[in-house]
Amino acid sequence: MVILKRQTGGLEPRRQGDRGGYRKLACLRNWIAVRMTAKPDLTLDDRVLETANAHQINVERVSVWRALRSLGLTHKKDLQAIGQKQPEVRQARYI
């Protein structure tokens, strides 16, 4: 704390983090949104590979996830099997 007081003249905490923005993928936001609508069944890992191959950049899985989340496009698989969604199966389970 003494060092901080000497350097800044106060004890105000410094801003933490890299200020968001997802720098590598910021310019690809529209492309990512279009790809989500074009191929909605791809997994997150597939999206990472697709982004890296299409734009020749190294991109981390979490960066793609953050970009999707910032677009409001959470990509979650449904936990129920397709068979369980059929009306007769659903009705039989809840009798």
PDB file of N, CA and C in Angstrom:
ATOM      1  N   MET A   1       0.820  -1.191   0.000  1.00  0.00           N
ATOM      2  CA  MET A   1       0.000   0.000   0.000  1.00  0.00           C
ATOM      3  C   MET A   1       0.863   1.253   0.000  1.00  0.00           C
ATOM      4  N   VAL A   2       2.001   1.150   0.628  1.00  0.00           N
ATOM      5  CA  VAL A   2       2.905   2.300   0.670  1.00  0.00           C
ATOM      6  C   VAL A   2       3.396   2.605  -0.741  1.00  0.00           C
ATOM      7  N   ILE A   3       3.712   1.570  -1.497  1.00  0.00           N
ATOM      8  CA  ILE A   3       4.187   1.760  -2.873  1.00  0.00           C
ATOM      9  C   ILE A   3       3.091   2.414  -3.722  1.00  0.00           C
ATOM     10  N   LEU A   4       1.868   1.961  -3.572  1.00  0.00           N
ATOM     11  CA  LEU A   4       0.756   2.535  -4.310  1.00  0.00           C
ATOM     12  C   LEU A   4       0.571   4.003  -3.953  1.00  0.00           C
ATOM     13  N   LYS A   5       0.682   4.329  -2.685  1.00  0.00           N
ATOM     14  CA  LYS A   5       0.543   5.719  -2.233  1.00  0.00           C
ATOM     15  C   LYS A   5       1.647   6.582  -2.835  1.00  0.00           C
ATOM     16  N   ARG A   6       2.883   6.046  -2.896  1.00  0.00           N
ATOM     17  CA  ARG A   6       3.992   6.809  -3.491  1.00  0.00           C
ATOM     18  C   ARG A   6       3.794   7.016  -4.984  1.00  0.00           C
ATOM     19  N   GLN A   7       3.333   5.967  -5.671  1.00  0.00           N
ATOM     20  CA  GLN A   7       3.198   6.043  -7.126  1.00  0.00           C
ATOM     21  C   GLN A   7       2.028   6.913  -7.563  1.00  0.00           C
ATOM     22  N   THR A   8       0.920   6.826  -6.861  1.00  0.00           N
ATOM     23  CA  THR A   8      -0.285   7.511  -7.322  1.00  0.00           C
ATOM     24  C   THR A   8      -0.705   8.674  -6.448  1.00  0.00           C
ATOM     25  N   GLY A   9      -0.168   8.749  -5.258  1.00  0.00           N
ATOM     26  CA  GLY A   9      -0.556   9.813  -4.353  1.00  0.00           C
ATOM     27  C   GLY A   9      -1.824   9.500  -3.567  1.00  0.00           C
ATOM     28  N   GLY A  10      -2.375   8.321  -3.762  1.00  0.00           N
ATOM     29  CA  GLY A  10      -3.587   7.925  -3.055  1.00  0.00           C
ATOM     30  C   GLY A  10      -3.660   6.417  -2.941  1.00  0.00           C
ATOM     31  N   LEU A  11      -4.739   5.948  -2.351  1.00  0.00           N
ATOM     32  CA  LEU A  11      -4.926   4.518  -2.172  1.00  0.00           C
ATOM     33  C   LEU A  11      -6.113   4.010  -2.991  1.00  0.00           C
ATOM     34  N   GLU A  12      -6.406   4.710  -4.064  1.00  0.00           N
ATOM     35  CA  GLU A  12      -7.490   4.270  -4.942  1.00  0.00           C
ATOM     36  C   GLU A  12      -7.083   2.977  -5.645  1.00  0.00           C
ATOM     37  N   PRO A  13      -7.936   1.963  -5.646  1.00  0.00           N
ATOM     38  CA  PRO A  13      -7.580   0.721  -6.333  1.00  0.00           C
ATOM     39  C   PRO A  13      -7.532   0.937  -7.844  1.00  0.00           C
ATOM     40  N   ARG A  14      -6.608   0.234  -8.491  1.00  0.00           N
ATOM     41  CA  ARG A  14      -6.502   0.318  -9.944  1.00  0.00           C
ATOM     42  C   ARG A  14      -7.615  -0.495 -10.586  1.00  0.00           C
ATOM     43  N   ARG A  15      -7.950  -0.144 -11.788  1.00  0.00           N
ATOM     44  CA  ARG A  15      -8.959  -0.891 -12.536  1.00  0.00           C
ATOM     45  C   ARG A  15      -8.424  -2.278 -12.837  1.00  0.00           C
ATOM     46  N   GLN A  16      -9.265  -3.292 -12.670  1.00  0.00           N
ATOM     47  CA  GLN A  16      -8.845  -4.662 -12.906  1.00  0.00           C
ATOM     48  C   GLN A  16      -9.367  -5.163 -14.237  1.00  0.00           C
ATOM     49  N   GLY A  17      -8.728  -6.194 -14.757  1.00  0.00           N
ATOM     50  CA  GLY A  17      -9.168  -6.819 -15.994  1.00  0.00           C
ATOM     51  C   GLY A  17      -8.631  -6.127 -17.225  1.00  0.00           C
ATOM     52  N   ASP A  18      -9.002  -6.646 -18.377  1.00  0.00           N
ATOM     53  CA  ASP A  18      -8.513  -6.085 -19.628  1.00  0.00           C
ATOM     54  C   ASP A  18      -9.571  -5.208 -20.298  1.00  0.00           C
ATOM     55  N   ARG A  19     -10.554  -4.760 -19.538  1.00  0.00           N
ATOM     56  CA  ARG A  19     -11.609  -3.857 -19.980  1.00  0.00           C
ATOM     57  C   ARG A  19     -12.558  -4.475 -20.999  1.00  0.00           C
ATOM     58  N   GLY A  20     -12.589  -5.795 -21.091  1.00  0.00           N
ATOM     59  CA  GLY A  20     -13.560  -6.470 -21.952  1.00  0.00           C
ATOM     60  C   GLY A  20     -13.369  -6.152 -23.423  1.00  0.00           C
ATOM     61  N   GLY A  21     -14.416  -6.298 -24.180  1.00  0.00           N
ATOM     62  CA  GLY A  21     -14.365  -5.976 -25.590  1.00  0.00           C
ATOM     63  C   GLY A  21     -13.976  -7.142 -26.468  1.00  0.00           C
ATOM     64  N   TYR A  22     -13.356  -8.152 -25.885  1.00  0.00           N
ATOM     65  CA  TYR A  22     -12.967  -9.345 -26.624  1.00  0.00           C
ATOM     66  C   TYR A  22     -12.294  -8.942 -27.926  1.00  0.00           C
ATOM     67  N   ARG A  23     -11.147  -8.335 -27.770  1.00  0.00           N
ATOM     68  CA  ARG A  23     -10.454  -7.646 -28.850  1.00  0.00           C
ATOM     69  C   ARG A  23     -10.336  -8.427 -30.144  1.00  0.00           C
ATOM     70  N   LYS A  24      -9.925  -9.671 -30.082  1.00  0.00           N
ATOM     71  CA  LYS A  24      -9.753 -10.441 -31.310  1.00  0.00           C
ATOM     72  C   LYS A  24     -11.062 -10.623 -32.061  1.00  0.00           C
ATOM     73  N   LEU A  25     -12.123 -10.834 -31.324  1.00  0.00           N
ATOM     74  CA  LEU A  25     -13.396 -11.168 -31.944  1.00  0.00           C
ATOM     75  C   LEU A  25     -14.343  -9.982 -32.071  1.00  0.00           C
ATOM     76  N   ALA A  26     -13.908  -8.806 -31.642  1.00  0.00           N
ATOM     77  CA  ALA A  26     -14.789  -7.635 -31.705  1.00  0.00           C
ATOM     78  C   ALA A  26     -15.196  -7.315 -33.138  1.00  0.00           C
ATOM     79  N   CYS A  27     -14.268  -7.458 -34.070  1.00  0.00           N
ATOM     80  CA  CYS A  27     -14.587  -7.147 -35.464  1.00  0.00           C
ATOM     81  C   CYS A  27     -15.350  -8.287 -36.141  1.00  0.00           C
ATOM     82  N   LEU A  28     -15.471  -9.427 -35.471  1.00  0.00           N
ATOM     83  CA  LEU A  28     -16.151 -10.586 -36.062  1.00  0.00           C
ATOM     84  C   LEU A  28     -17.544 -10.821 -35.491  1.00  0.00           C
ATOM     85  N   ARG A  29     -18.048  -9.883 -34.712  1.00  0.00           N
ATOM     86  CA  ARG A  29     -19.343 -10.081 -34.058  1.00  0.00           C
ATOM     87  C   ARG A  29     -20.450 -10.363 -35.061  1.00  0.00           C
ATOM     88  N   ASN A  30     -20.517  -9.599 -36.130  1.00  0.00           N
ATOM     89  CA  ASN A  30     -21.570  -9.817 -37.127  1.00  0.00           C
ATOM     90  C   ASN A  30     -21.391 -11.166 -37.808  1.00  0.00           C
ATOM     91  N   TRP A  31     -20.151 -11.525 -38.114  1.00  0.00           N
ATOM     92  CA  TRP A  31     -19.872 -12.807 -38.754  1.00  0.00           C
ATOM     93  C   TRP A  31     -20.314 -13.962 -37.854  1.00  0.00           C
ATOM     94  N   ILE A  32     -20.020 -13.849 -36.570  1.00  0.00           N
ATOM     95  CA  ILE A  32     -20.402 -14.893 -35.617  1.00  0.00           C
ATOM     96  C   ILE A  32     -21.922 -15.010 -35.543  1.00  0.00           C
ATOM     97  N   ALA A  33     -22.621 -13.891 -35.520  1.00  0.00           N
ATOM     98  CA  ALA A  33     -24.081 -13.922 -35.459  1.00  0.00           C
ATOM     99  C   ALA A  33     -24.664 -14.579 -36.712  1.00  0.00           C
ATOM    100  N   VAL A  34     -24.101 -14.275 -37.867  1.00  0.00           N
ATOM    101  CA  VAL A  34     -24.578 -14.881 -39.114  1.00  0.00           C
ATOM    102  C   VAL A  34     -24.315 -16.383 -39.108  1.00  0.00           C
ATOM    103  N   ARG A  35     -23.141 -16.788 -38.640  1.00  0.00           N
ATOM    104  CA  ARG A  35     -22.808 -18.214 -38.594  1.00  0.00           C
ATOM    105  C   ARG A  35     -23.706 -18.961 -37.618  1.00  0.00           C
ATOM    106  N   MET A  36     -24.106 -18.313 -36.532  1.00  0.00           N
ATOM    107  CA  MET A  36     -25.010 -18.959 -35.580  1.00  0.00           C
ATOM    108  C   MET A  36     -26.360 -19.256 -36.225  1.00  0.00           C
ATOM    109  N   THR A  37     -26.851 -18.340 -37.036  1.00  0.00           N
ATOM    110  CA  THR A  37     -28.135 -18.576 -37.686  1.00  0.00           C
ATOM    111  C   THR A  37     -27.997 -19.555 -38.851  1.00  0.00           C
ATOM    112  N   ALA A  38     -26.839 -19.557 -39.508  1.00  0.00           N
ATOM    113  CA  ALA A  38     -26.631 -20.460 -40.646  1.00  0.00           C
ATOM    114  C   ALA A  38     -26.441 -21.905 -40.192  1.00  0.00           C
ATOM    115  N   LYS A  39     -25.708 -22.094 -39.094  1.00  0.00           N
ATOM    116  CA  LYS A  39     -25.421 -23.443 -38.588  1.00  0.00           C
ATOM    117  C   LYS A  39     -25.676 -23.491 -37.083  1.00  0.00           C
ATOM    118  N   PRO A  40     -26.928 -23.557 -36.673  1.00  0.00           N
ATOM    119  CA  PRO A  40     -27.228 -23.503 -35.240  1.00  0.00           C
ATOM    120  C   PRO A  40     -26.865 -24.767 -34.471  1.00  0.00           C
ATOM    121  N   ASP A  41     -26.580 -25.866 -35.158  1.00  0.00           N
ATOM    122  CA  ASP A  41     -26.336 -27.124 -34.461  1.00  0.00           C
ATOM    123  C   ASP A  41     -24.859 -27.372 -34.150  1.00  0.00           C
ATOM    124  N   LEU A  42     -23.974 -26.465 -34.496  1.00  0.00           N
ATOM    125  CA  LEU A  42     -22.552 -26.660 -34.201  1.00  0.00           C
ATOM    126  C   LEU A  42     -22.279 -26.490 -32.713  1.00  0.00           C
ATOM    127  N   THR A  43     -21.333 -27.257 -32.219  1.00  0.00           N
ATOM    128  CA  THR A  43     -20.928 -27.122 -30.824  1.00  0.00           C
ATOM    129  C   THR A  43     -19.976 -25.940 -30.683  1.00  0.00           C
ATOM    130  N   LEU A  44     -19.693 -25.574 -29.470  1.00  0.00           N
ATOM    131  CA  LEU A  44     -18.784 -24.464 -29.219  1.00  0.00           C
ATOM    132  C   LEU A  44     -17.390 -24.777 -29.772  1.00  0.00           C
ATOM    133  N   ASP A  45     -16.928 -26.006 -29.600  1.00  0.00           N
ATOM    134  CA  ASP A  45     -15.617 -26.387 -30.135  1.00  0.00           C
ATOM    135  C   ASP A  45     -15.582 -26.278 -31.656  1.00  0.00           C
ATOM    136  N   ASP A  46     -16.679 -26.660 -32.310  1.00  0.00           N
ATOM    137  CA  ASP A  46     -16.759 -26.523 -33.759  1.00  0.00           C
ATOM    138  C   ASP A  46     -16.704 -25.061 -34.175  1.00  0.00           C
ATOM    139  N   ARG A  47     -17.335 -24.205 -33.395  1.00  0.00           N
ATOM    140  CA  ARG A  47     -17.327 -22.773 -33.700  1.00  0.00           C
ATOM    141  C   ARG A  47     -15.932 -22.180 -33.536  1.00  0.00           C
ATOM    142  N   VAL A  48     -15.199 -22.659 -32.551  1.00  0.00           N
ATOM    143  CA  VAL A  48     -13.817 -22.200 -32.362  1.00  0.00           C
ATOM    144  C   VAL A  48     -12.979 -22.572 -33.580  1.00  0.00           C
ATOM    145  N   LEU A  49     -13.091 -23.821 -34.018  1.00  0.00           N
ATOM    146  CA  LEU A  49     -12.332 -24.262 -35.189  1.00  0.00           C
ATOM    147  C   LEU A  49     -12.751 -23.510 -36.443  1.00  0.00           C
ATOM    148  N   GLU A  50     -14.030 -23.303 -36.615  1.00  0.00           N
ATOM    149  CA  GLU A  50     -14.524 -22.588 -37.785  1.00  0.00           C
ATOM    150  C   GLU A  50     -14.007 -21.147 -37.813  1.00  0.00           C
ATOM    151  N   THR A  51     -14.038 -20.491 -36.668  1.00  0.00           N
ATOM    152  CA  THR A  51     -13.551 -19.112 -36.575  1.00  0.00           C
ATOM    153  C   THR A  51     -12.055 -19.044 -36.848  1.00  0.00           C
ATOM    154  N   ALA A  52     -11.306 -19.961 -36.250  1.00  0.00           N
ATOM    155  CA  ALA A  52      -9.853 -19.971 -36.444  1.00  0.00           C
ATOM    156  C   ALA A  52      -9.486 -20.239 -37.903  1.00  0.00           C
ATOM    157  N   ASN A  53     -10.169 -21.187 -38.539  1.00  0.00           N
ATOM    158  CA  ASN A  53      -9.861 -21.523 -39.928  1.00  0.00           C
ATOM    159  C   ASN A  53     -10.294 -20.430 -40.897  1.00  0.00           C
ATOM    160  N   ALA A  54     -11.432 -19.833 -40.652  1.00  0.00           N
ATOM    161  CA  ALA A  54     -11.953 -18.827 -41.571  1.00  0.00           C
ATOM    162  C   ALA A  54     -11.159 -17.533 -41.536  1.00  0.00           C
ATOM    163  N   HIS A  55     -10.572 -17.212 -40.381  1.00  0.00           N
ATOM    164  CA  HIS A  55      -9.902 -15.921 -40.230  1.00  0.00           C
ATOM    165  C   HIS A  55      -8.417 -16.036 -39.901  1.00  0.00           C
ATOM    166  N   GLN A  56      -7.886 -17.236 -39.914  1.00  0.00           N
ATOM    167  CA  GLN A  56      -6.466 -17.499 -39.657  1.00  0.00           C
ATOM    168  C   GLN A  56      -5.973 -16.804 -38.375  1.00  0.00           C
ATOM    169  N   ILE A  57      -6.709 -17.012 -37.285  1.00  0.00           N
ATOM    170  CA  ILE A  57      -6.298 -16.483 -35.990  1.00  0.00           C
ATOM    171  C   ILE A  57      -6.383 -17.594 -34.961  1.00  0.00           C
ATOM    172  N   ASN A  58      -5.566 -17.485 -33.935  1.00  0.00           N
ATOM    173  CA  ASN A  58      -5.683 -18.393 -32.793  1.00  0.00           C
ATOM    174  C   ASN A  58      -6.722 -17.801 -31.858  1.00  0.00           C
ATOM    175  N   VAL A  59      -7.726 -18.583 -31.563  1.00  0.00           N
ATOM    176  CA  VAL A  59      -8.800 -18.093 -30.712  1.00  0.00           C
ATOM    177  C   VAL A  59      -9.096 -19.150 -29.655  1.00  0.00           C
ATOM    178  N   GLU A  60      -9.334 -18.694 -28.451  1.00  0.00           N
ATOM    179  CA  GLU A  60      -9.632 -19.591 -27.344  1.00  0.00           C
ATOM    180  C   GLU A  60     -11.133 -19.841 -27.266  1.00  0.00           C
ATOM    181  N   ARG A  61     -11.459 -20.976 -26.713  1.00  0.00           N
ATOM    182  CA  ARG A  61     -12.858 -21.385 -26.562  1.00  0.00           C
ATOM    183  C   ARG A  61     -13.649 -20.365 -25.753  1.00  0.00           C
ATOM    184  N   VAL A  62     -13.061 -19.875 -24.687  1.00  0.00           N
ATOM    185  CA  VAL A  62     -13.756 -18.928 -23.819  1.00  0.00           C
ATOM    186  C   VAL A  62     -14.009 -17.608 -24.543  1.00  0.00           C
ATOM    187  N   SER A  63     -13.141 -17.224 -25.456  1.00  0.00           N
ATOM    188  CA  SER A  63     -13.352 -15.982 -26.210  1.00  0.00           C
ATOM    189  C   SER A  63     -14.570 -16.090 -27.111  1.00  0.00           C
ATOM    190  N   VAL A  64     -14.721 -17.234 -27.755  1.00  0.00           N
ATOM    191  CA  VAL A  64     -15.901 -17.443 -28.605  1.00  0.00           C
ATOM    192  C   VAL A  64     -17.151 -17.472 -27.735  1.00  0.00           C
ATOM    193  N   TRP A  65     -17.077 -18.141 -26.592  1.00  0.00           N
ATOM    194  CA  TRP A  65     -18.216 -18.189 -25.687  1.00  0.00           C
ATOM    195  C   TRP A  65     -18.607 -16.786 -25.221  1.00  0.00           C
ATOM    196  N   ARG A  66     -17.638 -15.956 -24.877  1.00  0.00           N
ATOM    197  CA  ARG A  66     -17.931 -14.594 -24.432  1.00  0.00           C
ATOM    198  C   ARG A  66     -18.551 -13.768 -25.553  1.00  0.00           C
ATOM    199  N   ALA A  67     -18.050 -13.959 -26.768  1.00  0.00           N
ATOM    200  CA  ALA A  67     -18.624 -13.244 -27.912  1.00  0.00           C
ATOM    201  C   ALA A  67     -20.076 -13.659 -28.128  1.00  0.00           C
ATOM    202  N   LEU A  68     -20.355 -14.957 -28.030  1.00  0.00           N
ATOM    203  CA  LEU A  68     -21.728 -15.440 -28.175  1.00  0.00           C
ATOM    204  C   LEU A  68     -22.622 -14.876 -27.068  1.00  0.00           C
ATOM    205  N   ARG A  69     -22.107 -14.902 -25.862  1.00  0.00           N
ATOM    206  CA  ARG A  69     -22.883 -14.402 -24.728  1.00  0.00           C
ATOM    207  C   ARG A  69     -23.156 -12.907 -24.859  1.00  0.00           C
ATOM    208  N   SER A  70     -22.171 -12.138 -25.357  1.00  0.00           N
ATOM    209  CA  SER A  70     -22.370 -10.698 -25.516  1.00  0.00           C
ATOM    210  C   SER A  70     -23.398 -10.387 -26.593  1.00  0.00           C
ATOM    211  N   LEU A  71     -23.574 -11.302 -27.537  1.00  0.00           N
ATOM    212  CA  LEU A  71     -24.600 -11.151 -28.564  1.00  0.00           C
ATOM    213  C   LEU A  71     -25.962 -11.658 -28.099  1.00  0.00           C
ATOM    214  N   GLY A  72     -26.005 -12.215 -26.894  1.00  0.00           N
ATOM    215  CA  GLY A  72     -27.245 -12.785 -26.386  1.00  0.00           C
ATOM    216  C   GLY A  72     -27.564 -14.124 -27.032  1.00  0.00           C
ATOM    217  N   LEU A  73     -26.545 -14.793 -27.568  1.00  0.00           N
ATOM    218  CA  LEU A  73     -26.736 -16.049 -28.279  1.00  0.00           C
ATOM    219  C   LEU A  73     -26.138 -17.207 -27.503  1.00  0.00           C
ATOM    220  N   THR A  74     -26.635 -17.447 -26.307  1.00  0.00           N
ATOM    221  CA  THR A  74     -26.136 -18.591 -25.570  1.00  0.00           C
ATOM    222  C   THR A  74     -26.502 -19.843 -26.336  1.00  0.00           C
ATOM    223  N   HIS A  75     -25.595 -20.743 -26.421  1.00  0.00           N
ATOM    224  CA  HIS A  75     -25.755 -21.925 -27.264  1.00  0.00           C
ATOM    225  C   HIS A  75     -25.765 -23.144 -26.357  1.00  0.00           C
ATOM    226  N   LYS A  76     -26.954 -23.501 -25.878  1.00  0.00           N
ATOM    227  CA  LYS A  76     -27.066 -24.620 -24.953  1.00  0.00           C
ATOM    228  C   LYS A  76     -27.806 -25.758 -25.621  1.00  0.00           C
ATOM    229  N   LYS A  77     -27.286 -26.932 -25.440  1.00  0.00           N
ATOM    230  CA  LYS A  77     -27.965 -28.114 -25.947  1.00  0.00           C
ATOM    231  C   LYS A  77     -29.116 -28.434 -24.997  1.00  0.00           C
ATOM    232  N   ASP A  78     -30.160 -29.012 -25.534  1.00  0.00           N
ATOM    233  CA  ASP A  78     -31.309 -29.402 -24.727  1.00  0.00           C
ATOM    234  C   ASP A  78     -30.979 -30.690 -23.987  1.00  0.00           C
ATOM    235  N   LEU A  79     -31.282 -30.750 -22.721  1.00  0.00           N
ATOM    236  CA  LEU A  79     -30.947 -31.913 -21.914  1.00  0.00           C
ATOM    237  C   LEU A  79     -31.922 -33.068 -22.105  1.00  0.00           C
ATOM    238  N   GLN A  80     -33.100 -32.789 -22.622  1.00  0.00           N
ATOM    239  CA  GLN A  80     -34.078 -33.849 -22.831  1.00  0.00           C
ATOM    240  C   GLN A  80     -33.829 -34.537 -24.166  1.00  0.00           C
ATOM    241  N   ALA A  81     -33.986 -35.833 -24.166  1.00  0.00           N
ATOM    242  CA  ALA A  81     -33.884 -36.572 -25.418  1.00  0.00           C
ATOM    243  C   ALA A  81     -35.072 -36.216 -26.301  1.00  0.00           C
ATOM    244  N   ILE A  82     -34.891 -36.327 -27.598  1.00  0.00           N
ATOM    245  CA  ILE A  82     -35.958 -35.977 -28.531  1.00  0.00           C
ATOM    246  C   ILE A  82     -37.191 -36.828 -28.286  1.00  0.00           C
ATOM    247  N   GLY A  83     -36.995 -38.091 -27.950  1.00  0.00           N
ATOM    248  CA  GLY A  83     -38.125 -38.973 -27.682  1.00  0.00           C
ATOM    249  C   GLY A  83     -38.967 -38.515 -26.513  1.00  0.00           C
ATOM    250  N   GLN A  84     -38.348 -37.885 -25.536  1.00  0.00           N
ATOM    251  CA  GLN A  84     -39.082 -37.426 -24.360  1.00  0.00           C
ATOM    252  C   GLN A  84     -39.959 -36.221 -24.659  1.00  0.00           C
ATOM    253  N   LYS A  85     -39.726 -35.570 -25.777  1.00  0.00           N
ATOM    254  CA  LYS A  85     -40.521 -34.403 -26.125  1.00  0.00           C
ATOM    255  C   LYS A  85     -41.800 -34.777 -26.868  1.00  0.00           C
ATOM    256  N   GLN A  86     -41.918 -36.009 -27.297  1.00  0.00           N
ATOM    257  CA  GLN A  86     -43.121 -36.431 -28.002  1.00  0.00           C
ATOM    258  C   GLN A  86     -44.292 -36.416 -27.033  1.00  0.00           C
ATOM    259  N   PRO A  87     -45.458 -35.956 -27.499  1.00  0.00           N
ATOM    260  CA  PRO A  87     -46.608 -35.795 -26.582  1.00  0.00           C
ATOM    261  C   PRO A  87     -47.005 -37.072 -25.863  1.00  0.00           C
ATOM    262  N   GLU A  88     -46.992 -38.207 -26.560  1.00  0.00           N
ATOM    263  CA  GLU A  88     -47.432 -39.454 -25.899  1.00  0.00           C
ATOM    264  C   GLU A  88     -46.431 -39.890 -24.835  1.00  0.00           C
ATOM    265  N   VAL A  89     -45.160 -39.658 -25.053  1.00  0.00           N
ATOM    266  CA  VAL A  89     -44.147 -40.017 -24.057  1.00  0.00           C
ATOM    267  C   VAL A  89     -44.246 -39.079 -22.875  1.00  0.00           C
ATOM    268  N   ARG A  90     -44.414 -37.799 -23.141  1.00  0.00           N
ATOM    269  CA  ARG A  90     -44.535 -36.816 -22.068  1.00  0.00           C
ATOM    270  C   ARG A  90     -45.749 -37.105 -21.201  1.00  0.00           C
ATOM    271  N   GLN A  91     -46.860 -37.455 -21.826  1.00  0.00           N
ATOM    272  CA  GLN A  91     -48.085 -37.740 -21.089  1.00  0.00           C
ATOM    273  C   GLN A  91     -47.917 -38.999 -20.253  1.00  0.00           C
ATOM    274  N   ALA A  92     -47.280 -40.025 -20.791  1.00  0.00           N
ATOM    275  CA  ALA A  92     -47.077 -41.284 -20.065  1.00  0.00           C
ATOM    276  C   ALA A  92     -46.184 -41.082 -18.843  1.00  0.00           C
ATOM    277  N   ARG A  93     -45.248 -40.182 -18.926  1.00  0.00           N
ATOM    278  CA  ARG A  93     -44.315 -39.957 -17.814  1.00  0.00           C
ATOM    279  C   ARG A  93     -44.963 -39.217 -16.652  1.00  0.00           C
ATOM    280  N   TYR A  94     -45.963 -38.398 -16.935  1.00  0.00           N
ATOM    281  CA  TYR A  94     -46.556 -37.557 -15.895  1.00  0.00           C
ATOM    282  C   TYR A  94     -47.917 -38.047 -15.434  1.00  0.00           C
ATOM    283  N   ILE A  95     -48.227 -39.294 -15.685  1.00  0.00           N
ATOM    284  CA  ILE A  95     -49.511 -39.842 -15.224  1.00  0.00           C
ATOM    285  C   ILE A  95     -49.347 -40.373 -13.820  1.00  0.00           C
TER     286      ILE A  95
END
